[in-house]
């Protein structure tokens, strides 16, 4: 099972293995606070795609398409997350404020389709 949650939310018992899936380190979060978290920054959208999207909801459908295309060409980065999900619970951590329109949502759906 792959879940997503904001990096600012406290760790919970059912989180399982936790992966930070952001290209940039989240603001206001000390590295010590996420010491048991694996940072997979290269699974995040490219800097160019992230900049283009800019959290503009009207670009959400195209962002999803482009990000899935990047993921398809980047198996080496997401395969460890998928493998961990086969062994138990996995939580993808993201920092965006919008809980419905962010890259972790796309990544979770992408990985769920491959389980």
PDB file of N, CA and C in Angstrom:
ATOM      1  N   UNK A   1       0.840  -1.182   0.000  1.00  0.00           N
ATOM      2  CA  UNK A   1       0.000   0.000   0.000  1.00  0.00           C
ATOM      3  C   UNK A   1       0.879   1.237   0.000  1.00  0.00           C
ATOM      4  N   UNK A   2       0.585   2.156  -0.904  1.00  0.00           N
ATOM      5  CA  UNK A   2       1.342   3.403  -1.005  1.00  0.00           C
ATOM      6  C   UNK A   2       0.421   4.558  -0.638  1.00  0.00           C
ATOM      7  N   UNK A   3       0.837   5.307   0.385  1.00  0.00           N
ATOM      8  CA  UNK A   3       0.071   6.471   0.843  1.00  0.00           C
ATOM      9  C   UNK A   3       0.876   7.727   0.567  1.00  0.00           C
ATOM     10  N   UNK A   4       0.195   8.850   0.639  1.00  0.00           N
ATOM     11  CA  UNK A   4       0.882  10.133   0.547  1.00  0.00           C
ATOM     12  C   UNK A   4       0.461  11.013   1.716  1.00  0.00           C
ATOM     13  N   UNK A   5       1.370  11.893   2.129  1.00  0.00           N
ATOM     14  CA  UNK A   5       1.033  12.863   3.169  1.00  0.00           C
ATOM     15  C   UNK A   5       2.047  13.994   3.139  1.00  0.00           C
ATOM     16  N   UNK A   6       1.626  15.116   3.677  1.00  0.00           N
ATOM     17  CA  UNK A   6       2.522  16.275   3.739  1.00  0.00           C
ATOM     18  C   UNK A   6       3.659  15.982   4.708  1.00  0.00           C
ATOM     19  N   UNK A   7       4.818  16.441   4.356  1.00  0.00           N
ATOM     20  CA  UNK A   7       6.006  16.223   5.159  1.00  0.00           C
ATOM     21  C   UNK A   7       5.887  16.870   6.536  1.00  0.00           C
ATOM     22  N   UNK A   8       5.009  17.849   6.664  1.00  0.00           N
ATOM     23  CA  UNK A   8       4.837  18.580   7.916  1.00  0.00           C
ATOM     24  C   UNK A   8       3.936  17.844   8.915  1.00  0.00           C
ATOM     25  N   UNK A   9       3.284  16.785   8.468  1.00  0.00           N
ATOM     26  CA  UNK A   9       2.436  16.006   9.365  1.00  0.00           C
ATOM     27  C   UNK A   9       3.308  15.044  10.174  1.00  0.00           C
ATOM     28  N   UNK A  10       2.909  14.764  11.420  1.00  0.00           N
ATOM     29  CA  UNK A  10       3.732  13.865  12.242  1.00  0.00           C
ATOM     30  C   UNK A  10       3.709  12.426  11.721  1.00  0.00           C
ATOM     31  N   UNK A  11       4.783  11.730  11.999  1.00  0.00           N
ATOM     32  CA  UNK A  11       4.878  10.318  11.642  1.00  0.00           C
ATOM     33  C   UNK A  11       3.810   9.548  12.415  1.00  0.00           C
ATOM     34  N   UNK A  12       3.217   8.553  11.734  1.00  0.00           N
ATOM     35  CA  UNK A  12       2.214   7.707  12.380  1.00  0.00           C
ATOM     36  C   UNK A  12       2.661   6.253  12.288  1.00  0.00           C
ATOM     37  N   UNK A  13       2.127   5.444  13.134  1.00  0.00           N
ATOM     38  CA  UNK A  13       2.510   4.038  13.214  1.00  0.00           C
ATOM     39  C   UNK A  13       2.359   3.321  11.870  1.00  0.00           C
ATOM     40  N   UNK A  14       1.326   3.597  11.114  1.00  0.00           N
ATOM     41  CA  UNK A  14       1.062   2.890   9.869  1.00  0.00           C
ATOM     42  C   UNK A  14       1.783   3.433   8.647  1.00  0.00           C
ATOM     43  N   UNK A  15       2.668   4.419   8.826  1.00  0.00           N
ATOM     44  CA  UNK A  15       3.362   5.014   7.685  1.00  0.00           C
ATOM     45  C   UNK A  15       4.271   4.033   6.953  1.00  0.00           C
ATOM     46  N   UNK A  16       4.845   3.102   7.673  1.00  0.00           N
ATOM     47  CA  UNK A  16       5.778   2.176   7.041  1.00  0.00           C
ATOM     48  C   UNK A  16       7.040   2.900   6.597  1.00  0.00           C
ATOM     49  N   UNK A  17       7.603   2.465   5.486  1.00  0.00           N
ATOM     50  CA  UNK A  17       8.811   3.095   4.930  1.00  0.00           C
ATOM     51  C   UNK A  17       8.427   4.443   4.344  1.00  0.00           C
ATOM     52  N   UNK A  18       9.188   5.482   4.676  1.00  0.00           N
ATOM     53  CA  UNK A  18       8.851   6.839   4.249  1.00  0.00           C
ATOM     54  C   UNK A  18       9.883   7.362   3.257  1.00  0.00           C
ATOM     55  N   UNK A  19       9.360   7.963   2.179  1.00  0.00           N
ATOM     56  CA  UNK A  19      10.205   8.526   1.129  1.00  0.00           C
ATOM     57  C   UNK A  19       9.821   9.983   0.902  1.00  0.00           C
ATOM     58  N   UNK A  20      10.796  10.864   0.942  1.00  0.00           N
ATOM     59  CA  UNK A  20      10.582  12.260   0.555  1.00  0.00           C
ATOM     60  C   UNK A  20      10.746  12.314  -0.955  1.00  0.00           C
ATOM     61  N   UNK A  21       9.699  12.742  -1.665  1.00  0.00           N
ATOM     62  CA  UNK A  21       9.693  12.715  -3.129  1.00  0.00           C
ATOM     63  C   UNK A  21       9.623  14.136  -3.707  1.00  0.00           C
ATOM     64  N   UNK A  22      10.420  15.012  -3.152  1.00  0.00           N
ATOM     65  CA  UNK A  22      10.522  16.401  -3.594  1.00  0.00           C
ATOM     66  C   UNK A  22      11.932  16.655  -4.104  1.00  0.00           C
ATOM     67  N   UNK A  23      12.067  17.463  -5.135  1.00  0.00           N
ATOM     68  CA  UNK A  23      13.387  17.809  -5.670  1.00  0.00           C
ATOM     69  C   UNK A  23      14.130  18.748  -4.716  1.00  0.00           C
ATOM     70  N   UNK A  24      13.393  19.630  -4.051  1.00  0.00           N
ATOM     71  CA  UNK A  24      13.994  20.577  -3.118  1.00  0.00           C
ATOM     72  C   UNK A  24      13.640  20.190  -1.688  1.00  0.00           C
ATOM     73  N   UNK A  25      14.558  20.453  -0.767  1.00  0.00           N
ATOM     74  CA  UNK A  25      14.280  20.162   0.643  1.00  0.00           C
ATOM     75  C   UNK A  25      13.153  21.073   1.125  1.00  0.00           C
ATOM     76  N   UNK A  26      12.176  20.537   1.862  1.00  0.00           N
ATOM     77  CA  UNK A  26      11.026  21.345   2.317  1.00  0.00           C
ATOM     78  C   UNK A  26      11.431  22.465   3.276  1.00  0.00           C
ATOM     79  N   UNK A  27      10.819  23.608   3.072  1.00  0.00           N
ATOM     80  CA  UNK A  27      11.098  24.767   3.922  1.00  0.00           C
ATOM     81  C   UNK A  27      10.731  24.484   5.371  1.00  0.00           C
ATOM     82  N   UNK A  28      11.595  24.945   6.249  1.00  0.00           N
ATOM     83  CA  UNK A  28      11.315  24.868   7.678  1.00  0.00           C
ATOM     84  C   UNK A  28      11.463  23.486   8.295  1.00  0.00           C
ATOM     85  N   UNK A  29      11.938  22.513   7.539  1.00  0.00           N
ATOM     86  CA  UNK A  29      12.094  21.157   8.070  1.00  0.00           C
ATOM     87  C   UNK A  29      13.581  20.888   8.271  1.00  0.00           C
ATOM     88  N   UNK A  30      13.953  20.550   9.501  1.00  0.00           N
ATOM     89  CA  UNK A  30      15.339  20.231   9.794  1.00  0.00           C
ATOM     90  C   UNK A  30      15.641  18.808   9.333  1.00  0.00           C
ATOM     91  N   UNK A  31      16.830  18.615   8.857  1.00  0.00           N
ATOM     92  CA  UNK A  31      17.227  17.286   8.372  1.00  0.00           C
ATOM     93  C   UNK A  31      17.097  16.230   9.472  1.00  0.00           C
ATOM     94  N   UNK A  32      17.343  16.610  10.710  1.00  0.00           N
ATOM     95  CA  UNK A  32      17.228  15.666  11.818  1.00  0.00           C
ATOM     96  C   UNK A  32      15.793  15.161  11.984  1.00  0.00           C
ATOM     97  N   UNK A  33      14.832  15.996  11.628  1.00  0.00           N
ATOM     98  CA  UNK A  33      13.417  15.626  11.769  1.00  0.00           C
ATOM     99  C   UNK A  33      13.039  14.515  10.795  1.00  0.00           C
ATOM    100  N   UNK A  34      13.811  14.355   9.734  1.00  0.00           N
ATOM    101  CA  UNK A  34      13.507  13.335   8.722  1.00  0.00           C
ATOM    102  C   UNK A  34      14.660  12.346   8.573  1.00  0.00           C
ATOM    103  N   UNK A  35      15.349  12.064   9.674  1.00  0.00           N
ATOM    104  CA  UNK A  35      16.525  11.203   9.590  1.00  0.00           C
ATOM    105  C   UNK A  35      16.207   9.771   9.153  1.00  0.00           C
ATOM    106  N   UNK A  36      15.021   9.284   9.396  1.00  0.00           N
ATOM    107  CA  UNK A  36      14.658   7.922   8.995  1.00  0.00           C
ATOM    108  C   UNK A  36      13.956   7.886   7.636  1.00  0.00           C
ATOM    109  N   UNK A  37      13.974   9.003   6.931  1.00  0.00           N
ATOM    110  CA  UNK A  37      13.291   9.122   5.648  1.00  0.00           C
ATOM    111  C   UNK A  37      14.313   9.024   4.520  1.00  0.00           C
ATOM    112  N   UNK A  38      13.957   8.303   3.465  1.00  0.00           N
ATOM    113  CA  UNK A  38      14.822   8.216   2.283  1.00  0.00           C
ATOM    114  C   UNK A  38      14.410   9.334   1.329  1.00  0.00           C
ATOM    115  N   UNK A  39      15.356  10.176   0.951  1.00  0.00           N
ATOM    116  CA  UNK A  39      15.083  11.289   0.040  1.00  0.00           C
ATOM    117  C   UNK A  39      15.347  10.827  -1.381  1.00  0.00           C
ATOM    118  N   UNK A  40      14.284  10.737  -2.187  1.00  0.00           N
ATOM    119  CA  UNK A  40      14.385  10.323  -3.587  1.00  0.00           C
ATOM    120  C   UNK A  40      14.110  11.539  -4.472  1.00  0.00           C
ATOM    121  N   UNK A  41      15.010  12.519  -4.442  1.00  0.00           N
ATOM    122  CA  UNK A  41      14.761  13.762  -5.169  1.00  0.00           C
ATOM    123  C   UNK A  41      14.727  13.573  -6.677  1.00  0.00           C
ATOM    124  N   UNK A  42      15.396  12.555  -7.194  1.00  0.00           N
ATOM    125  CA  UNK A  42      15.407  12.364  -8.644  1.00  0.00           C
ATOM    126  C   UNK A  42      14.157  11.686  -9.180  1.00  0.00           C
ATOM    127  N   UNK A  43      13.253  11.279  -8.291  1.00  0.00           N
ATOM    128  CA  UNK A  43      11.967  10.751  -8.741  1.00  0.00           C
ATOM    129  C   UNK A  43      10.950  11.893  -8.906  1.00  0.00           C
ATOM    130  N   UNK A  44      11.280  13.041  -8.380  1.00  0.00           N
ATOM    131  CA  UNK A  44      10.405  14.226  -8.479  1.00  0.00           C
ATOM    132  C   UNK A  44      10.415  14.766  -9.913  1.00  0.00           C
ATOM    133  N   UNK A  45       9.441  15.585 -10.255  1.00  0.00           N
ATOM    134  CA  UNK A  45       9.432  16.194 -11.592  1.00  0.00           C
ATOM    135  C   UNK A  45      10.720  16.993 -11.830  1.00  0.00           C
ATOM    136  N   UNK A  46      11.133  17.052 -13.070  1.00  0.00           N
ATOM    137  CA  UNK A  46      12.323  17.835 -13.416  1.00  0.00           C
ATOM    138  C   UNK A  46      12.113  19.291 -13.009  1.00  0.00           C
ATOM    139  N   UNK A  47      13.223  19.996 -12.855  1.00  0.00           N
ATOM    140  CA  UNK A  47      13.139  21.411 -12.493  1.00  0.00           C
ATOM    141  C   UNK A  47      12.350  22.187 -13.545  1.00  0.00           C
ATOM    142  N   UNK A  48      12.555  21.855 -14.804  1.00  0.00           N
ATOM    143  CA  UNK A  48      11.841  22.551 -15.877  1.00  0.00           C
ATOM    144  C   UNK A  48      10.332  22.304 -15.792  1.00  0.00           C
ATOM    145  N   UNK A  49       9.933  21.062 -15.541  1.00  0.00           N
ATOM    146  CA  UNK A  49       8.503  20.747 -15.446  1.00  0.00           C
ATOM    147  C   UNK A  49       7.891  21.392 -14.215  1.00  0.00           C
ATOM    148  N   UNK A  50       8.600  21.333 -13.113  1.00  0.00           N
ATOM    149  CA  UNK A  50       8.102  21.931 -11.869  1.00  0.00           C
ATOM    150  C   UNK A  50       7.895  23.430 -12.049  1.00  0.00           C
ATOM    151  N   UNK A  51       8.848  24.093 -12.688  1.00  0.00           N
ATOM    152  CA  UNK A  51       8.738  25.531 -12.937  1.00  0.00           C
ATOM    153  C   UNK A  51       7.581  25.829 -13.880  1.00  0.00           C
ATOM    154  N   UNK A  52       7.452  25.053 -14.943  1.00  0.00           N
ATOM    155  CA  UNK A  52       6.366  25.264 -15.899  1.00  0.00           C
ATOM    156  C   UNK A  52       5.004  25.125 -15.212  1.00  0.00           C
ATOM    157  N   UNK A  53       4.850  24.087 -14.392  1.00  0.00           N
ATOM    158  CA  UNK A  53       3.566  23.845 -13.733  1.00  0.00           C
ATOM    159  C   UNK A  53       3.233  24.974 -12.758  1.00  0.00           C
ATOM    160  N   UNK A  54       4.155  25.311 -11.888  1.00  0.00           N
ATOM    161  CA  UNK A  54       3.957  26.422 -10.960  1.00  0.00           C
ATOM    162  C   UNK A  54       2.711  26.314 -10.101  1.00  0.00           C
ATOM    163  N   UNK A  55       2.218  25.103  -9.869  1.00  0.00           N
ATOM    164  CA  UNK A  55       1.003  24.855  -9.073  1.00  0.00           C
ATOM    165  C   UNK A  55      -0.218  25.590  -9.634  1.00  0.00           C
ATOM    166  N   UNK A  56      -0.248  25.727 -10.946  1.00  0.00           N
ATOM    167  CA  UNK A  56      -1.403  26.334 -11.614  1.00  0.00           C
ATOM    168  C   UNK A  56      -2.359  25.205 -11.992  1.00  0.00           C
ATOM    169  N   UNK A  57      -3.475  25.156 -11.309  1.00  0.00           N
ATOM    170  CA  UNK A  57      -4.420  24.040 -11.433  1.00  0.00           C
ATOM    171  C   UNK A  57      -4.899  23.846 -12.871  1.00  0.00           C
ATOM    172  N   UNK A  58      -4.989  24.906 -13.641  1.00  0.00           N
ATOM    173  CA  UNK A  58      -5.429  24.754 -15.031  1.00  0.00           C
ATOM    174  C   UNK A  58      -4.416  23.951 -15.858  1.00  0.00           C
ATOM    175  N   UNK A  59      -3.194  23.825 -15.375  1.00  0.00           N
ATOM    176  CA  UNK A  59      -2.168  23.038 -16.061  1.00  0.00           C
ATOM    177  C   UNK A  59      -2.067  21.601 -15.525  1.00  0.00           C
ATOM    178  N   UNK A  60      -2.893  21.256 -14.551  1.00  0.00           N
ATOM    179  CA  UNK A  60      -2.837  19.956 -13.895  1.00  0.00           C
ATOM    180  C   UNK A  60      -2.914  18.774 -14.871  1.00  0.00           C
ATOM    181  N   UNK A  61      -3.875  18.713 -15.778  1.00  0.00           N
ATOM    182  CA  UNK A  61      -3.931  17.557 -16.694  1.00  0.00           C
ATOM    183  C   UNK A  61      -2.650  17.395 -17.526  1.00  0.00           C
ATOM    184  N   UNK A  62      -2.127  18.488 -18.036  1.00  0.00           N
ATOM    185  CA  UNK A  62      -0.902  18.416 -18.843  1.00  0.00           C
ATOM    186  C   UNK A  62       0.312  18.096 -17.972  1.00  0.00           C
ATOM    187  N   UNK A  63       0.329  18.641 -16.759  1.00  0.00           N
ATOM    188  CA  UNK A  63       1.413  18.315 -15.821  1.00  0.00           C
ATOM    189  C   UNK A  63       1.452  16.821 -15.562  1.00  0.00           C
ATOM    190  N   UNK A  64       0.298  16.217 -15.306  1.00  0.00           N
ATOM    191  CA  UNK A  64       0.248  14.771 -15.051  1.00  0.00           C
ATOM    192  C   UNK A  64       0.806  13.987 -16.233  1.00  0.00           C
ATOM    193  N   UNK A  65       0.403  14.371 -17.435  1.00  0.00           N
ATOM    194  CA  UNK A  65       0.870  13.663 -18.629  1.00  0.00           C
ATOM    195  C   UNK A  65       2.387  13.767 -18.763  1.00  0.00           C
ATOM    196  N   UNK A  66       2.902  14.971 -18.602  1.00  0.00           N
ATOM    197  CA  UNK A  66       4.340  15.185 -18.756  1.00  0.00           C
ATOM    198  C   UNK A  66       5.135  14.475 -17.661  1.00  0.00           C
ATOM    199  N   UNK A  67       4.628  14.519 -16.440  1.00  0.00           N
ATOM    200  CA  UNK A  67       5.342  13.881 -15.329  1.00  0.00           C
ATOM    201  C   UNK A  67       5.329  12.359 -15.494  1.00  0.00           C
ATOM    202  N   UNK A  68       4.213  11.792 -15.904  1.00  0.00           N
ATOM    203  CA  UNK A  68       4.176  10.342 -16.157  1.00  0.00           C
ATOM    204  C   UNK A  68       5.180   9.954 -17.243  1.00  0.00           C
ATOM    205  N   UNK A  69       5.336  10.804 -18.239  1.00  0.00           N
ATOM    206  CA  UNK A  69       6.311  10.542 -19.298  1.00  0.00           C
ATOM    207  C   UNK A  69       7.731  10.545 -18.715  1.00  0.00           C
ATOM    208  N   UNK A  70       8.030  11.508 -17.850  1.00  0.00           N
ATOM    209  CA  UNK A  70       9.338  11.541 -17.187  1.00  0.00           C
ATOM    210  C   UNK A  70       9.544  10.291 -16.341  1.00  0.00           C
ATOM    211  N   UNK A  71       8.510   9.898 -15.613  1.00  0.00           N
ATOM    212  CA  UNK A  71       8.622   8.702 -14.778  1.00  0.00           C
ATOM    213  C   UNK A  71       8.874   7.455 -15.620  1.00  0.00           C
ATOM    214  N   UNK A  72       8.207   7.365 -16.749  1.00  0.00           N
ATOM    215  CA  UNK A  72       8.401   6.215 -17.624  1.00  0.00           C
ATOM    216  C   UNK A  72       9.836   6.059 -18.087  1.00  0.00           C
ATOM    217  N   UNK A  73      10.536   7.164 -18.188  1.00  0.00           N
ATOM    218  CA  UNK A  73      11.930   7.140 -18.626  1.00  0.00           C
ATOM    219  C   UNK A  73      12.910   7.091 -17.455  1.00  0.00           C
ATOM    220  N   UNK A  74      12.397   6.963 -16.250  1.00  0.00           N
ATOM    221  CA  UNK A  74      13.226   7.080 -15.047  1.00  0.00           C
ATOM    222  C   UNK A  74      12.983   5.934 -14.071  1.00  0.00           C
ATOM    223  N   UNK A  75      12.836   4.741 -14.575  1.00  0.00           N
ATOM    224  CA  UNK A  75      12.491   3.571 -13.756  1.00  0.00           C
ATOM    225  C   UNK A  75      13.455   3.354 -12.585  1.00  0.00           C
ATOM    226  N   UNK A  76      14.715   3.615 -12.799  1.00  0.00           N
ATOM    227  CA  UNK A  76      15.733   3.398 -11.762  1.00  0.00           C
ATOM    228  C   UNK A  76      15.418   4.167 -10.477  1.00  0.00           C
ATOM    229  N   UNK A  77      14.735   5.300 -10.599  1.00  0.00           N
ATOM    230  CA  UNK A  77      14.441   6.126  -9.428  1.00  0.00           C
ATOM    231  C   UNK A  77      13.196   5.686  -8.671  1.00  0.00           C
ATOM    232  N   UNK A  78      12.186   5.181  -9.367  1.00  0.00           N
ATOM    233  CA  UNK A  78      10.950   4.807  -8.665  1.00  0.00           C
ATOM    234  C   UNK A  78      10.863   3.318  -8.339  1.00  0.00           C
ATOM    235  N   UNK A  79      11.667   2.499  -8.953  1.00  0.00           N
ATOM    236  CA  UNK A  79      11.619   1.053  -8.690  1.00  0.00           C
ATOM    237  C   UNK A  79      11.859   0.706  -7.213  1.00  0.00           C
ATOM    238  N   UNK A  80      12.819   1.356  -6.517  1.00  0.00           N
ATOM    239  CA  UNK A  80      12.996   1.038  -5.088  1.00  0.00           C
ATOM    240  C   UNK A  80      11.750   1.335  -4.243  1.00  0.00           C
ATOM    241  N   UNK A  81      11.004   2.367  -4.607  1.00  0.00           N
ATOM    242  CA  UNK A  81       9.775   2.692  -3.866  1.00  0.00           C
ATOM    243  C   UNK A  81       8.736   1.603  -4.111  1.00  0.00           C
ATOM    244  N   UNK A  82       8.605   1.191  -5.346  1.00  0.00           N
ATOM    245  CA  UNK A  82       7.660   0.132  -5.698  1.00  0.00           C
ATOM    246  C   UNK A  82       8.035  -1.170  -4.993  1.00  0.00           C
ATOM    247  N   UNK A  83       9.311  -1.488  -4.962  1.00  0.00           N
ATOM    248  CA  UNK A  83       9.773  -2.705  -4.284  1.00  0.00           C
ATOM    249  C   UNK A  83       9.455  -2.650  -2.790  1.00  0.00           C
ATOM    250  N   UNK A  84       9.653  -1.494  -2.175  1.00  0.00           N
ATOM    251  CA  UNK A  84       9.320  -1.340  -0.754  1.00  0.00           C
ATOM    252  C   UNK A  84       7.820  -1.497  -0.540  1.00  0.00           C
ATOM    253  N   UNK A  85       7.016  -1.008  -1.474  1.00  0.00           N
ATOM    254  CA  UNK A  85       5.559  -1.137  -1.376  1.00  0.00           C
ATOM    255  C   UNK A  85       5.097  -2.581  -1.473  1.00  0.00           C
ATOM    256  N   UNK A  86       5.847  -3.412  -2.163  1.00  0.00           N
ATOM    257  CA  UNK A  86       5.499  -4.839  -2.251  1.00  0.00           C
ATOM    258  C   UNK A  86       5.764  -5.558  -0.931  1.00  0.00           C
ATOM    259  N   UNK A  87       6.683  -5.009  -0.134  1.00  0.00           N
ATOM    260  CA  UNK A  87       7.037  -5.621   1.151  1.00  0.00           C
ATOM    261  C   UNK A  87       6.212  -5.097   2.312  1.00  0.00           C
ATOM    262  N   UNK A  88       5.563  -3.939   2.129  1.00  0.00           N
ATOM    263  CA  UNK A  88       4.797  -3.368   3.237  1.00  0.00           C
ATOM    264  C   UNK A  88       4.328  -1.963   2.911  1.00  0.00           C
ATOM    265  N   UNK A  89       3.882  -1.278   3.945  1.00  0.00           N
ATOM    266  CA  UNK A  89       3.346   0.077   3.781  1.00  0.00           C
ATOM    267  C   UNK A  89       4.457   1.051   3.389  1.00  0.00           C
ATOM    268  N   UNK A  90       4.107   1.999   2.524  1.00  0.00           N
ATOM    269  CA  UNK A  90       5.012   3.052   2.071  1.00  0.00           C
ATOM    270  C   UNK A  90       4.248   4.372   2.119  1.00  0.00           C
ATOM    271  N   UNK A  91       4.937   5.416   2.556  1.00  0.00           N
ATOM    272  CA  UNK A  91       4.349   6.751   2.555  1.00  0.00           C
ATOM    273  C   UNK A  91       5.262   7.684   1.777  1.00  0.00           C
ATOM    274  N   UNK A  92       4.674   8.359   0.791  1.00  0.00           N
ATOM    275  CA  UNK A  92       5.382   9.361   0.002  1.00  0.00           C
ATOM    276  C   UNK A  92       5.142  10.716   0.649  1.00  0.00           C
ATOM    277  N   UNK A  93       6.197  11.419   0.983  1.00  0.00           N
ATOM    278  CA  UNK A  93       6.090  12.719   1.637  1.00  0.00           C
ATOM    279  C   UNK A  93       6.310  13.833   0.626  1.00  0.00           C
ATOM    280  N   UNK A  94       5.455  14.832   0.673  1.00  0.00           N
ATOM    281  CA  UNK A  94       5.548  15.974  -0.225  1.00  0.00           C
ATOM    282  C   UNK A  94       5.341  17.245   0.586  1.00  0.00           C
ATOM    283  N   UNK A  95       5.695  18.394   0.011  1.00  0.00           N
ATOM    284  CA  UNK A  95       5.586  19.642   0.765  1.00  0.00           C
ATOM    285  C   UNK A  95       4.545  20.613   0.216  1.00  0.00           C
ATOM    286  N   UNK A  96       3.977  20.336  -0.924  1.00  0.00           N
ATOM    287  CA  UNK A  96       3.006  21.257  -1.525  1.00  0.00           C
ATOM    288  C   UNK A  96       1.801  21.468  -0.614  1.00  0.00           C
ATOM    289  N   UNK A  97       1.234  22.656  -0.681  1.00  0.00           N
ATOM    290  CA  UNK A  97       0.041  22.965   0.118  1.00  0.00           C
ATOM    291  C   UNK A  97      -1.205  22.307  -0.448  1.00  0.00           C
ATOM    292  N   UNK A  98      -1.264  22.202  -1.754  1.00  0.00           N
ATOM    293  CA  UNK A  98      -2.433  21.631  -2.419  1.00  0.00           C
ATOM    294  C   UNK A  98      -2.363  20.105  -2.308  1.00  0.00           C
ATOM    295  N   UNK A  99      -3.292  19.532  -1.565  1.00  0.00           N
ATOM    296  CA  UNK A  99      -3.257  18.090  -1.316  1.00  0.00           C
ATOM    297  C   UNK A  99      -3.818  17.260  -2.470  1.00  0.00           C
ATOM    298  N   UNK A 100      -4.467  17.907  -3.426  1.00  0.00           N
ATOM    299  CA  UNK A 100      -5.059  17.182  -4.553  1.00  0.00           C
ATOM    300  C   UNK A 100      -4.256  17.302  -5.837  1.00  0.00           C
ATOM    301  N   UNK A 101      -3.498  18.372  -5.984  1.00  0.00           N
ATOM    302  CA  UNK A 101      -2.792  18.656  -7.232  1.00  0.00           C
ATOM    303  C   UNK A 101      -1.301  18.804  -6.964  1.00  0.00           C
ATOM    304  N   UNK A 102      -0.631  17.692  -6.724  1.00  0.00           N
ATOM    305  CA  UNK A 102       0.810  17.727  -6.496  1.00  0.00           C
ATOM    306  C   UNK A 102       1.455  16.476  -7.082  1.00  0.00           C
ATOM    307  N   UNK A 103       2.752  16.520  -7.209  1.00  0.00           N
ATOM    308  CA  UNK A 103       3.461  15.427  -7.874  1.00  0.00           C
ATOM    309  C   UNK A 103       3.363  14.101  -7.133  1.00  0.00           C
ATOM    310  N   UNK A 104       3.217  14.120  -5.815  1.00  0.00           N
ATOM    311  CA  UNK A 104       3.093  12.865  -5.060  1.00  0.00           C
ATOM    312  C   UNK A 104       1.814  12.122  -5.447  1.00  0.00           C
ATOM    313  N   UNK A 105       0.757  12.839  -5.759  1.00  0.00           N
ATOM    314  CA  UNK A 105      -0.496  12.219  -6.210  1.00  0.00           C
ATOM    315  C   UNK A 105      -0.248  11.469  -7.517  1.00  0.00           C
ATOM    316  N   UNK A 106       0.449  12.115  -8.446  1.00  0.00           N
ATOM    317  CA  UNK A 106       0.741  11.496  -9.735  1.00  0.00           C
ATOM    318  C   UNK A 106       1.648  10.282  -9.540  1.00  0.00           C
ATOM    319  N   UNK A 107       2.672  10.433  -8.717  1.00  0.00           N
ATOM    320  CA  UNK A 107       3.603   9.332  -8.468  1.00  0.00           C
ATOM    321  C   UNK A 107       2.902   8.139  -7.825  1.00  0.00           C
ATOM    322  N   UNK A 108       2.063   8.395  -6.832  1.00  0.00           N
ATOM    323  CA  UNK A 108       1.329   7.292  -6.199  1.00  0.00           C
ATOM    324  C   UNK A 108       0.469   6.555  -7.205  1.00  0.00           C
ATOM    325  N   UNK A 109      -0.273   7.287  -8.029  1.00  0.00           N
ATOM    326  CA  UNK A 109      -1.124   6.656  -9.038  1.00  0.00           C
ATOM    327  C   UNK A 109      -0.294   5.881 -10.055  1.00  0.00           C
ATOM    328  N   UNK A 110       0.833   6.436 -10.438  1.00  0.00           N
ATOM    329  CA  UNK A 110       1.751   5.788 -11.376  1.00  0.00           C
ATOM    330  C   UNK A 110       2.231   4.456 -10.788  1.00  0.00           C
ATOM    331  N   UNK A 111       2.642   4.473  -9.531  1.00  0.00           N
ATOM    332  CA  UNK A 111       3.145   3.267  -8.877  1.00  0.00           C
ATOM    333  C   UNK A 111       2.034   2.258  -8.610  1.00  0.00           C
ATOM    334  N   UNK A 112       0.863   2.736  -8.209  1.00  0.00           N
ATOM    335  CA  UNK A 112      -0.272   1.841  -7.981  1.00  0.00           C
ATOM    336  C   UNK A 112      -0.619   1.063  -9.257  1.00  0.00           C
ATOM    337  N   UNK A 113      -0.498   1.701 -10.405  1.00  0.00           N
ATOM    338  CA  UNK A 113      -0.806   1.046 -11.678  1.00  0.00           C
ATOM    339  C   UNK A 113       0.201  -0.046 -12.005  1.00  0.00           C
ATOM    340  N   UNK A 114       1.353  -0.024 -11.362  1.00  0.00           N
ATOM    341  CA  UNK A 114       2.392  -1.003 -11.631  1.00  0.00           C
ATOM    342  C   UNK A 114       2.477  -2.101 -10.582  1.00  0.00           C
ATOM    343  N   UNK A 115       1.697  -2.029  -9.536  1.00  0.00           N
ATOM    344  CA  UNK A 115       1.707  -3.058  -8.494  1.00  0.00           C
ATOM    345  C   UNK A 115       0.900  -4.257  -8.900  1.00  0.00           C
TER     346      UNK A 115
END
